[in-house]
Amino acid sequence: MSFRIRKEDRVLILTGNAKDKGKTGKVLRVSPSQEKAIVENVNFITQHKRTRDPSKPGGRVTREAPVPLSKLMLICPKCNRPTRVGAKVFEDGSKVRICKKCNAEI
């Protein structure tokens, strides 16, 4: 399945926690099998880690949790607005993502 949001894209968080709604961030990783993405500085969780060996101390670790792709909207790098993403197919069969607002290639 082809997703319209990829690694290194800037996205807007549409829904979710009140503290995260409306934030923007860069996509760090996309998991197609789970249909989720990890966005930089958004959706933090706290994990309690046990000490496994002396070089790795335990404690509380804060990290980003995955966000469903349906809750994200791509921000166009050209017009700098949240936009839907379309696809343009060339005669040679190659595909390019395009912004639905300004028709620029992403």
PDB file of N, CA and C in Angstrom:
ATOM      1  N   MET A   1       0.849  -1.177   0.000  1.00  0.00           N
ATOM      2  CA  MET A   1       0.000   0.000   0.000  1.00  0.00           C
ATOM      3  C   MET A   1       0.896   1.243   0.000  1.00  0.00           C
ATOM      4  N   SER A   2       0.564   2.184  -0.853  1.00  0.00           N
ATOM      5  CA  SER A   2       1.355   3.396  -0.968  1.00  0.00           C
ATOM      6  C   SER A   2       0.755   4.492  -0.087  1.00  0.00           C
ATOM      7  N   PHE A   3       1.600   5.088   0.755  1.00  0.00           N
ATOM      8  CA  PHE A   3       1.129   6.152   1.624  1.00  0.00           C
ATOM      9  C   PHE A   3       1.610   7.490   1.105  1.00  0.00           C
ATOM     10  N   ARG A   4       0.855   8.521   1.388  1.00  0.00           N
ATOM     11  CA  ARG A   4       1.172   9.841   0.875  1.00  0.00           C
ATOM     12  C   ARG A   4       2.075  10.636   1.805  1.00  0.00           C
ATOM     13  N   ILE A   5       2.323  10.111   2.998  1.00  0.00           N
ATOM     14  CA  ILE A   5       3.236  10.753   3.942  1.00  0.00           C
ATOM     15  C   ILE A   5       4.475   9.884   4.045  1.00  0.00           C
ATOM     16  N   ARG A   6       5.630  10.514   3.891  1.00  0.00           N
ATOM     17  CA  ARG A   6       6.892   9.778   3.900  1.00  0.00           C
ATOM     18  C   ARG A   6       7.848  10.387   4.915  1.00  0.00           C
ATOM     19  N   LYS A   7       8.956   9.703   5.128  1.00  0.00           N
ATOM     20  CA  LYS A   7       9.985  10.162   6.054  1.00  0.00           C
ATOM     21  C   LYS A   7      10.507  11.525   5.597  1.00  0.00           C
ATOM     22  N   GLU A   8      10.824  12.394   6.558  1.00  0.00           N
ATOM     23  CA  GLU A   8      11.352  13.750   6.343  1.00  0.00           C
ATOM     24  C   GLU A   8      10.292  14.758   5.900  1.00  0.00           C
ATOM     25  N   ASP A   9       9.018  14.381   5.771  1.00  0.00           N
ATOM     26  CA  ASP A   9       7.949  15.333   5.436  1.00  0.00           C
ATOM     27  C   ASP A   9       7.563  16.123   6.678  1.00  0.00           C
ATOM     28  N   ARG A  10       7.113  17.367   6.484  1.00  0.00           N
ATOM     29  CA  ARG A  10       6.535  18.150   7.580  1.00  0.00           C
ATOM     30  C   ARG A  10       5.040  17.908   7.575  1.00  0.00           C
ATOM     31  N   VAL A  11       4.483  17.635   8.759  1.00  0.00           N
ATOM     32  CA  VAL A  11       3.059  17.316   8.863  1.00  0.00           C
ATOM     33  C   VAL A  11       2.403  18.136   9.964  1.00  0.00           C
ATOM     34  N   LEU A  12       1.081  18.233   9.881  1.00  0.00           N
ATOM     35  CA  LEU A  12       0.247  18.886  10.883  1.00  0.00           C
ATOM     36  C   LEU A  12      -0.546  17.803  11.590  1.00  0.00           C
ATOM     37  N   ILE A  13      -0.626  17.873  12.924  1.00  0.00           N
ATOM     38  CA  ILE A  13      -1.423  16.932  13.696  1.00  0.00           C
ATOM     39  C   ILE A  13      -2.865  17.445  13.699  1.00  0.00           C
ATOM     40  N   LEU A  14      -3.794  16.671  13.137  1.00  0.00           N
ATOM     41  CA  LEU A  14      -5.179  17.112  13.018  1.00  0.00           C
ATOM     42  C   LEU A  14      -5.974  16.911  14.300  1.00  0.00           C
ATOM     43  N   THR A  15      -5.863  15.724  14.899  1.00  0.00           N
ATOM     44  CA  THR A  15      -6.620  15.412  16.099  1.00  0.00           C
ATOM     45  C   THR A  15      -5.724  14.681  17.085  1.00  0.00           C
ATOM     46  N   GLY A  16      -6.227  14.482  18.276  1.00  0.00           N
ATOM     47  CA  GLY A  16      -5.460  13.755  19.280  1.00  0.00           C
ATOM     48  C   GLY A  16      -5.517  14.472  20.608  1.00  0.00           C
ATOM     49  N   ASN A  17      -4.444  14.336  21.373  1.00  0.00           N
ATOM     50  CA  ASN A  17      -4.374  14.999  22.677  1.00  0.00           C
ATOM     51  C   ASN A  17      -4.518  16.501  22.505  1.00  0.00           C
ATOM     52  N   ALA A  18      -5.090  17.143  23.496  1.00  0.00           N
ATOM     53  CA  ALA A  18      -5.259  18.599  23.432  1.00  0.00           C
ATOM     54  C   ALA A  18      -3.907  19.290  23.346  1.00  0.00           C
ATOM     55  N   LYS A  19      -2.889  18.700  23.944  1.00  0.00           N
ATOM     56  CA  LYS A  19      -1.566  19.327  23.921  1.00  0.00           C
ATOM     57  C   LYS A  19      -0.872  19.169  22.567  1.00  0.00           C
ATOM     58  N   ASP A  20      -1.271  18.199  21.760  1.00  0.00           N
ATOM     59  CA  ASP A  20      -0.613  17.945  20.477  1.00  0.00           C
ATOM     60  C   ASP A  20      -1.408  18.432  19.269  1.00  0.00           C
ATOM     61  N   LYS A  21      -2.689  18.660  19.416  1.00  0.00           N
ATOM     62  CA  LYS A  21      -3.523  19.061  18.292  1.00  0.00           C
ATOM     63  C   LYS A  21      -3.060  20.413  17.743  1.00  0.00           C
ATOM     64  N   GLY A  22      -2.856  20.476  16.423  1.00  0.00           N
ATOM     65  CA  GLY A  22      -2.431  21.708  15.785  1.00  0.00           C
ATOM     66  C   GLY A  22      -0.932  21.884  15.698  1.00  0.00           C
ATOM     67  N   LYS A  23      -0.142  20.992  16.298  1.00  0.00           N
ATOM     68  CA  LYS A  23       1.315  21.094  16.228  1.00  0.00           C
ATOM     69  C   LYS A  23       1.816  20.593  14.878  1.00  0.00           C
ATOM     70  N   THR A  24       2.993  21.057  14.510  1.00  0.00           N
ATOM     71  CA  THR A  24       3.646  20.568  13.302  1.00  0.00           C
ATOM     72  C   THR A  24       4.962  19.923  13.688  1.00  0.00           C
ATOM     73  N   GLY A  25       5.418  19.020  12.848  1.00  0.00           N
ATOM     74  CA  GLY A  25       6.682  18.354  13.113  1.00  0.00           C
ATOM     75  C   GLY A  25       7.151  17.578  11.899  1.00  0.00           C
ATOM     76  N   LYS A  26       8.379  17.092  11.982  1.00  0.00           N
ATOM     77  CA  LYS A  26       8.985  16.330  10.901  1.00  0.00           C
ATOM     78  C   LYS A  26       8.772  14.844  11.166  1.00  0.00           C
ATOM     79  N   VAL A  27       8.445  14.096  10.130  1.00  0.00           N
ATOM     80  CA  VAL A  27       8.240  12.654  10.266  1.00  0.00           C
ATOM     81  C   VAL A  27       9.604  11.980  10.378  1.00  0.00           C
ATOM     82  N   LEU A  28       9.795  11.242  11.469  1.00  0.00           N
ATOM     83  CA  LEU A  28      11.054  10.540  11.695  1.00  0.00           C
ATOM     84  C   LEU A  28      11.040   9.138  11.101  1.00  0.00           C
ATOM     85  N   ARG A  29       9.890   8.470  11.182  1.00  0.00           N
ATOM     86  CA  ARG A  29       9.794   7.099  10.700  1.00  0.00           C
ATOM     87  C   ARG A  29       8.342   6.782  10.380  1.00  0.00           C
ATOM     88  N   VAL A  30       8.115   5.995   9.326  1.00  0.00           N
ATOM     89  CA  VAL A  30       6.778   5.571   8.935  1.00  0.00           C
ATOM     90  C   VAL A  30       6.736   4.052   9.001  1.00  0.00           C
ATOM     91  N   SER A  31       5.678   3.521   9.616  1.00  0.00           N
ATOM     92  CA  SER A  31       5.479   2.081   9.711  1.00  0.00           C
ATOM     93  C   SER A  31       4.258   1.706   8.881  1.00  0.00           C
ATOM     94  N   PRO A  32       4.449   1.258   7.625  1.00  0.00           N
ATOM     95  CA  PRO A  32       3.306   0.956   6.757  1.00  0.00           C
ATOM     96  C   PRO A  32       2.440  -0.189   7.264  1.00  0.00           C
ATOM     97  N   SER A  33       3.034  -1.180   7.911  1.00  0.00           N
ATOM     98  CA  SER A  33       2.243  -2.320   8.375  1.00  0.00           C
ATOM     99  C   SER A  33       1.266  -1.920   9.476  1.00  0.00           C
ATOM    100  N   GLN A  34       1.644  -0.962  10.311  1.00  0.00           N
ATOM    101  CA  GLN A  34       0.771  -0.494  11.375  1.00  0.00           C
ATOM    102  C   GLN A  34      -0.017   0.746  10.980  1.00  0.00           C
ATOM    103  N   GLU A  35       0.303   1.341   9.833  1.00  0.00           N
ATOM    104  CA  GLU A  35      -0.286   2.592   9.352  1.00  0.00           C
ATOM    105  C   GLU A  35      -0.104   3.703  10.373  1.00  0.00           C
ATOM    106  N   LYS A  36       1.125   3.827  10.884  1.00  0.00           N
ATOM    107  CA  LYS A  36       1.454   4.852  11.870  1.00  0.00           C
ATOM    108  C   LYS A  36       2.785   5.493  11.521  1.00  0.00           C
ATOM    109  N   ALA A  37       3.010   6.672  12.092  1.00  0.00           N
ATOM    110  CA  ALA A  37       4.259   7.391  11.887  1.00  0.00           C
ATOM    111  C   ALA A  37       4.706   7.996  13.211  1.00  0.00           C
ATOM    112  N   ILE A  38       6.011   8.166  13.357  1.00  0.00           N
ATOM    113  CA  ILE A  38       6.558   8.842  14.525  1.00  0.00           C
ATOM    114  C   ILE A  38       6.946  10.246  14.088  1.00  0.00           C
ATOM    115  N   VAL A  39       6.385  11.244  14.778  1.00  0.00           N
ATOM    116  CA  VAL A  39       6.605  12.647  14.444  1.00  0.00           C
ATOM    117  C   VAL A  39       7.464  13.279  15.528  1.00  0.00           C
ATOM    118  N   GLU A  40       8.418  14.095  15.110  1.00  0.00           N
ATOM    119  CA  GLU A  40       9.367  14.727  16.021  1.00  0.00           C
ATOM    120  C   GLU A  40       8.665  15.684  16.985  1.00  0.00           C
ATOM    121  N   ASN A  41       8.936  15.541  18.287  1.00  0.00           N
ATOM    122  CA  ASN A  41       8.422  16.396  19.364  1.00  0.00           C
ATOM    123  C   ASN A  41       6.899  16.395  19.485  1.00  0.00           C
ATOM    124  N   VAL A  42       6.261  15.271  19.173  1.00  0.00           N
ATOM    125  CA  VAL A  42       4.812  15.153  19.277  1.00  0.00           C
ATOM    126  C   VAL A  42       4.471  13.806  19.904  1.00  0.00           C
ATOM    127  N   ASN A  43       3.419  13.762  20.727  1.00  0.00           N
ATOM    128  CA  ASN A  43       2.880  12.535  21.307  1.00  0.00           C
ATOM    129  C   ASN A  43       3.911  11.811  22.185  1.00  0.00           C
ATOM    130  N   PHE A  44       4.390  12.482  23.205  1.00  0.00           N
ATOM    131  CA  PHE A  44       5.374  11.895  24.110  1.00  0.00           C
ATOM    132  C   PHE A  44       4.721  10.918  25.075  1.00  0.00           C
ATOM    133  N   ILE A  45       5.435   9.813  25.361  1.00  0.00           N
ATOM    134  CA  ILE A  45       5.025   8.869  26.387  1.00  0.00           C
ATOM    135  C   ILE A  45       6.207   8.644  27.321  1.00  0.00           C
ATOM    136  N   THR A  46       5.924   8.162  28.535  1.00  0.00           N
ATOM    137  CA  THR A  46       6.960   7.864  29.512  1.00  0.00           C
ATOM    138  C   THR A  46       7.009   6.364  29.721  1.00  0.00           C
ATOM    139  N   GLN A  47       8.181   5.786  29.497  1.00  0.00           N
ATOM    140  CA  GLN A  47       8.376   4.363  29.729  1.00  0.00           C
ATOM    141  C   GLN A  47       9.225   4.175  30.964  1.00  0.00           C
ATOM    142  N   HIS A  48       8.920   3.130  31.732  1.00  0.00           N
ATOM    143  CA  HIS A  48       9.712   2.779  32.904  1.00  0.00           C
ATOM    144  C   HIS A  48      10.636   1.636  32.513  1.00  0.00           C
ATOM    145  N   LYS A  49      11.929   1.920  32.484  1.00  0.00           N
ATOM    146  CA  LYS A  49      12.920   0.934  32.057  1.00  0.00           C
ATOM    147  C   LYS A  49      13.607   0.321  33.260  1.00  0.00           C
ATOM    148  N   ARG A  50      13.830  -0.966  33.203  1.00  0.00           N
ATOM    149  CA  ARG A  50      14.546  -1.694  34.240  1.00  0.00           C
ATOM    150  C   ARG A  50      16.034  -1.701  33.899  1.00  0.00           C
ATOM    151  N   THR A  51      16.877  -1.679  34.911  1.00  0.00           N
ATOM    152  CA  THR A  51      18.314  -1.749  34.698  1.00  0.00           C
ATOM    153  C   THR A  51      18.672  -3.172  34.276  1.00  0.00           C
ATOM    154  N   ARG A  52      19.273  -3.294  33.101  1.00  0.00           N
ATOM    155  CA  ARG A  52      19.667  -4.611  32.589  1.00  0.00           C
ATOM    156  C   ARG A  52      21.144  -4.892  32.866  1.00  0.00           C
ATOM    157  N   ASP A  53      21.974  -3.883  32.721  1.00  0.00           N
ATOM    158  CA  ASP A  53      23.385  -4.019  33.060  1.00  0.00           C
ATOM    159  C   ASP A  53      23.887  -2.668  33.542  1.00  0.00           C
ATOM    160  N   PRO A  54      25.059  -2.624  34.178  1.00  0.00           N
ATOM    161  CA  PRO A  54      25.531  -1.358  34.773  1.00  0.00           C
ATOM    162  C   PRO A  54      25.727  -0.206  33.785  1.00  0.00           C
ATOM    163  N   SER A  55      25.964  -0.519  32.501  1.00  0.00           N
ATOM    164  CA  SER A  55      26.193   0.562  31.533  1.00  0.00           C
ATOM    165  C   SER A  55      24.883   1.228  31.095  1.00  0.00           C
ATOM    166  N   LYS A  56      23.735   0.542  31.279  1.00  0.00           N
ATOM    167  CA  LYS A  56      22.436   1.107  30.896  1.00  0.00           C
ATOM    168  C   LYS A  56      21.580   1.259  32.141  1.00  0.00           C
ATOM    169  N   PRO A  57      21.580   2.430  32.741  1.00  0.00           N
ATOM    170  CA  PRO A  57      20.776   2.610  33.950  1.00  0.00           C
ATOM    171  C   PRO A  57      19.283   2.617  33.630  1.00  0.00           C
ATOM    172  N   GLY A  58      18.497   2.234  34.608  1.00  0.00           N
ATOM    173  CA  GLY A  58      17.053   2.235  34.451  1.00  0.00           C
ATOM    174  C   GLY A  58      16.469   3.590  34.785  1.00  0.00           C
ATOM    175  N   GLY A  59      15.165   3.651  34.849  1.00  0.00           N
ATOM    176  CA  GLY A  59      14.482   4.899  35.187  1.00  0.00           C
ATOM    177  C   GLY A  59      13.354   5.180  34.222  1.00  0.00           C
ATOM    178  N   ARG A  60      12.907   6.413  34.255  1.00  0.00           N
ATOM    179  CA  ARG A  60      11.824   6.846  33.384  1.00  0.00           C
ATOM    180  C   ARG A  60      12.412   7.469  32.130  1.00  0.00           C
ATOM    181  N   VAL A  61      11.972   6.968  30.973  1.00  0.00           N
ATOM    182  CA  VAL A  61      12.473   7.437  29.684  1.00  0.00           C
ATOM    183  C   VAL A  61      11.299   8.028  28.914  1.00  0.00           C
ATOM    184  N   THR A  62      11.457   9.240  28.406  1.00  0.00           N
ATOM    185  CA  THR A  62      10.420   9.898  27.612  1.00  0.00           C
ATOM    186  C   THR A  62      10.802   9.804  26.143  1.00  0.00           C
ATOM    187  N   ARG A  63       9.839   9.391  25.316  1.00  0.00           N
ATOM    188  CA  ARG A  63      10.092   9.262  23.878  1.00  0.00           C
ATOM    189  C   ARG A  63       8.801   9.506  23.107  1.00  0.00           C
ATOM    190  N   GLU A  64       8.936   9.659  21.775  1.00  0.00           N
ATOM    191  CA  GLU A  64       7.772   9.870  20.923  1.00  0.00           C
ATOM    192  C   GLU A  64       7.081   8.536  20.655  1.00  0.00           C
ATOM    193  N   ALA A  65       5.765   8.551  20.654  1.00  0.00           N
ATOM    194  CA  ALA A  65       4.976   7.371  20.332  1.00  0.00           C
ATOM    195  C   ALA A  65       4.404   7.531  18.920  1.00  0.00           C
ATOM    196  N   PRO A  66       4.059   6.424  18.263  1.00  0.00           N
ATOM    197  CA  PRO A  66       3.492   6.517  16.912  1.00  0.00           C
ATOM    198  C   PRO A  66       2.129   7.204  16.891  1.00  0.00           C
ATOM    199  N   VAL A  67       1.853   7.877  15.775  1.00  0.00           N
ATOM    200  CA  VAL A  67       0.581   8.568  15.538  1.00  0.00           C
ATOM    201  C   VAL A  67      -0.037   7.941  14.293  1.00  0.00           C
ATOM    202  N   PRO A  68      -1.337   7.650  14.278  1.00  0.00           N
ATOM    203  CA  PRO A  68      -1.968   7.095  13.069  1.00  0.00           C
ATOM    204  C   PRO A  68      -1.837   8.061  11.886  1.00  0.00           C
ATOM    205  N   LEU A  69      -1.594   7.503  10.699  1.00  0.00           N
ATOM    206  CA  LEU A  69      -1.423   8.329   9.508  1.00  0.00           C
ATOM    207  C   LEU A  69      -2.691   9.101   9.161  1.00  0.00           C
ATOM    208  N   SER A  70      -3.849   8.598   9.574  1.00  0.00           N
ATOM    209  CA  SER A  70      -5.104   9.295   9.281  1.00  0.00           C
ATOM    210  C   SER A  70      -5.235  10.588  10.084  1.00  0.00           C
ATOM    211  N   LYS A  71      -4.436  10.758  11.121  1.00  0.00           N
ATOM    212  CA  LYS A  71      -4.484  11.958  11.957  1.00  0.00           C
ATOM    213  C   LYS A  71      -3.470  13.014  11.520  1.00  0.00           C
ATOM    214  N   LEU A  72      -2.749  12.757  10.418  1.00  0.00           N
ATOM    215  CA  LEU A  72      -1.706  13.661   9.944  1.00  0.00           C
ATOM    216  C   LEU A  72      -2.085  14.262   8.600  1.00  0.00           C
ATOM    217  N   MET A  73      -1.661  15.505   8.374  1.00  0.00           N
ATOM    218  CA  MET A  73      -1.856  16.149   7.080  1.00  0.00           C
ATOM    219  C   MET A  73      -0.532  16.771   6.650  1.00  0.00           C
ATOM    220  N   LEU A  74      -0.162  16.511   5.408  1.00  0.00           N
ATOM    221  CA  LEU A  74       1.106  16.984   4.870  1.00  0.00           C
ATOM    222  C   LEU A  74       1.095  18.506   4.704  1.00  0.00           C
ATOM    223  N   ILE A  75       2.221  19.150   5.024  1.00  0.00           N
ATOM    224  CA  ILE A  75       2.392  20.588   4.792  1.00  0.00           C
ATOM    225  C   ILE A  75       3.241  20.745   3.542  1.00  0.00           C
ATOM    226  N   CYS A  76       2.707  21.452   2.560  1.00  0.00           N
ATOM    227  CA  CYS A  76       3.398  21.641   1.280  1.00  0.00           C
ATOM    228  C   CYS A  76       4.647  22.499   1.493  1.00  0.00           C
ATOM    229  N   PRO A  77       5.800  22.064   0.993  1.00  0.00           N
ATOM    230  CA  PRO A  77       7.012  22.869   1.158  1.00  0.00           C
ATOM    231  C   PRO A  77       7.002  24.153   0.327  1.00  0.00           C
ATOM    232  N   LYS A  78       6.195  24.213  -0.731  1.00  0.00           N
ATOM    233  CA  LYS A  78       6.162  25.400  -1.586  1.00  0.00           C
ATOM    234  C   LYS A  78       5.243  26.486  -1.029  1.00  0.00           C
ATOM    235  N   CYS A  79       3.972  26.122  -0.750  1.00  0.00           N
ATOM    236  CA  CYS A  79       3.004  27.118  -0.280  1.00  0.00           C
ATOM    237  C   CYS A  79       2.916  27.168   1.242  1.00  0.00           C
ATOM    238  N   ASN A  80       3.566  26.225   1.933  1.00  0.00           N
ATOM    239  CA  ASN A  80       3.663  26.201   3.402  1.00  0.00           C
ATOM    240  C   ASN A  80       2.287  26.149   4.074  1.00  0.00           C
ATOM    241  N   ARG A  81       1.351  25.399   3.448  1.00  0.00           N
ATOM    242  CA  ARG A  81       0.014  25.225   4.014  1.00  0.00           C
ATOM    243  C   ARG A  81      -0.312  23.738   4.087  1.00  0.00           C
ATOM    244  N   PRO A  82      -1.153  23.332   5.045  1.00  0.00           N
ATOM    245  CA  PRO A  82      -1.588  21.936   5.078  1.00  0.00           C
ATOM    246  C   PRO A  82      -2.419  21.637   3.833  1.00  0.00           C
ATOM    247  N   THR A  83      -2.161  20.510   3.219  1.00  0.00           N
ATOM    248  CA  THR A  83      -2.815  20.211   1.960  1.00  0.00           C
ATOM    249  C   THR A  83      -3.076  18.726   1.791  1.00  0.00           C
ATOM    250  N   ARG A  84      -4.026  18.422   0.932  1.00  0.00           N
ATOM    251  CA  ARG A  84      -4.213  17.040   0.508  1.00  0.00           C
ATOM    252  C   ARG A  84      -3.166  16.739  -0.555  1.00  0.00           C
ATOM    253  N   VAL A  85      -2.889  15.480  -0.746  1.00  0.00           N
ATOM    254  CA  VAL A  85      -1.838  15.078  -1.673  1.00  0.00           C
ATOM    255  C   VAL A  85      -2.450  14.327  -2.828  1.00  0.00           C
ATOM    256  N   GLY A  86      -2.043  14.696  -4.044  1.00  0.00           N
ATOM    257  CA  GLY A  86      -2.481  13.989  -5.236  1.00  0.00           C
ATOM    258  C   GLY A  86      -1.291  13.321  -5.895  1.00  0.00           C
ATOM    259  N   ALA A  87      -1.558  12.580  -6.925  1.00  0.00           N
ATOM    260  CA  ALA A  87      -0.498  11.898  -7.665  1.00  0.00           C
ATOM    261  C   ALA A  87      -0.575  12.295  -9.130  1.00  0.00           C
ATOM    262  N   LYS A  88       0.589  12.514  -9.720  1.00  0.00           N
ATOM    263  CA  LYS A  88       0.668  12.847 -11.136  1.00  0.00           C
ATOM    264  C   LYS A  88       1.502  11.750 -11.792  1.00  0.00           C
ATOM    265  N   VAL A  89       0.961  11.145 -12.848  1.00  0.00           N
ATOM    266  CA  VAL A  89       1.648  10.064 -13.544  1.00  0.00           C
ATOM    267  C   VAL A  89       2.149  10.600 -14.885  1.00  0.00           C
ATOM    268  N   PHE A  90       3.445  10.413 -15.134  1.00  0.00           N
ATOM    269  CA  PHE A  90       4.040  10.854 -16.389  1.00  0.00           C
ATOM    270  C   PHE A  90       3.902   9.762 -17.448  1.00  0.00           C
ATOM    271  N   GLU A  91       4.216  10.118 -18.690  1.00  0.00           N
ATOM    272  CA  GLU A  91       4.073   9.172 -19.799  1.00  0.00           C
ATOM    273  C   GLU A  91       4.987   7.960 -19.646  1.00  0.00           C
ATOM    274  N   ASP A  92       6.139   8.146 -19.015  1.00  0.00           N
ATOM    275  CA  ASP A  92       7.076   7.019 -18.849  1.00  0.00           C
ATOM    276  C   ASP A  92       6.680   6.110 -17.688  1.00  0.00           C
ATOM    277  N   GLY A  93       5.595   6.434 -16.981  1.00  0.00           N
ATOM    278  CA  GLY A  93       5.102   5.589 -15.897  1.00  0.00           C
ATOM    279  C   GLY A  93       5.544   6.013 -14.512  1.00  0.00           C
ATOM    280  N   SER A  94       6.414   7.020 -14.404  1.00  0.00           N
ATOM    281  CA  SER A  94       6.854   7.473 -13.083  1.00  0.00           C
ATOM    282  C   SER A  94       5.777   8.338 -12.434  1.00  0.00           C
ATOM    283  N   LYS A  95       5.728   8.286 -11.117  1.00  0.00           N
ATOM    284  CA  LYS A  95       4.714   9.017 -10.360  1.00  0.00           C
ATOM    285  C   LYS A  95       5.368  10.060  -9.472  1.00  0.00           C
ATOM    286  N   VAL A  96       4.639  11.161  -9.232  1.00  0.00           N
ATOM    287  CA  VAL A  96       5.111  12.246  -8.381  1.00  0.00           C
ATOM    288  C   VAL A  96       3.948  12.697  -7.508  1.00  0.00           C
ATOM    289  N   ARG A  97       4.229  13.010  -6.242  1.00  0.00           N
ATOM    290  CA  ARG A  97       3.202  13.575  -5.371  1.00  0.00           C
ATOM    291  C   ARG A  97       3.055  15.058  -5.686  1.00  0.00           C
ATOM    292  N   ILE A  98       1.812  15.557  -5.697  1.00  0.00           N
ATOM    293  CA  ILE A  98       1.580  16.978  -5.949  1.00  0.00           C
ATOM    294  C   ILE A  98       0.679  17.555  -4.862  1.00  0.00           C
ATOM    295  N   CYS A  99       0.820  18.845  -4.635  1.00  0.00           N
ATOM    296  CA  CYS A  99      -0.019  19.586  -3.688  1.00  0.00           C
ATOM    297  C   CYS A  99      -1.333  19.909  -4.374  1.00  0.00           C
ATOM    298  N   LYS A 100      -2.456  19.647  -3.708  1.00  0.00           N
ATOM    299  CA  LYS A 100      -3.769  19.927  -4.296  1.00  0.00           C
ATOM    300  C   LYS A 100      -4.104  21.412  -4.304  1.00  0.00           C
ATOM    301  N   LYS A 101      -3.399  22.217  -3.505  1.00  0.00           N
ATOM    302  CA  LYS A 101      -3.704  23.657  -3.439  1.00  0.00           C
ATOM    303  C   LYS A 101      -2.921  24.454  -4.467  1.00  0.00           C
ATOM    304  N   CYS A 102      -1.620  24.153  -4.607  1.00  0.00           N
ATOM    305  CA  CYS A 102      -0.791  24.960  -5.526  1.00  0.00           C
ATOM    306  C   CYS A 102      -0.277  24.162  -6.721  1.00  0.00           C
ATOM    307  N   ASN A 103      -0.620  22.875  -6.805  1.00  0.00           N
ATOM    308  CA  ASN A 103      -0.206  21.987  -7.898  1.00  0.00           C
ATOM    309  C   ASN A 103       1.308  21.866  -8.066  1.00  0.00           C
ATOM    310  N   ALA A 104       2.051  22.123  -7.002  1.00  0.00           N
ATOM    311  CA  ALA A 104       3.506  21.983  -7.057  1.00  0.00           C
ATOM    312  C   ALA A 104       3.898  20.543  -6.702  1.00  0.00           C
ATOM    313  N   GLU A 105       5.023  20.110  -7.255  1.00  0.00           N
ATOM    314  CA  GLU A 105       5.525  18.775  -6.922  1.00  0.00           C
ATOM    315  C   GLU A 105       6.108  18.779  -5.523  1.00  0.00           C
ATOM    316  N   ILE A 106       5.856  17.689  -4.803  1.00  0.00           N
ATOM    317  CA  ILE A 106       6.359  17.580  -3.435  1.00  0.00           C
ATOM    318  C   ILE A 106       7.581  16.684  -3.456  1.00  0.00           C
TER     319      ILE A 106
END
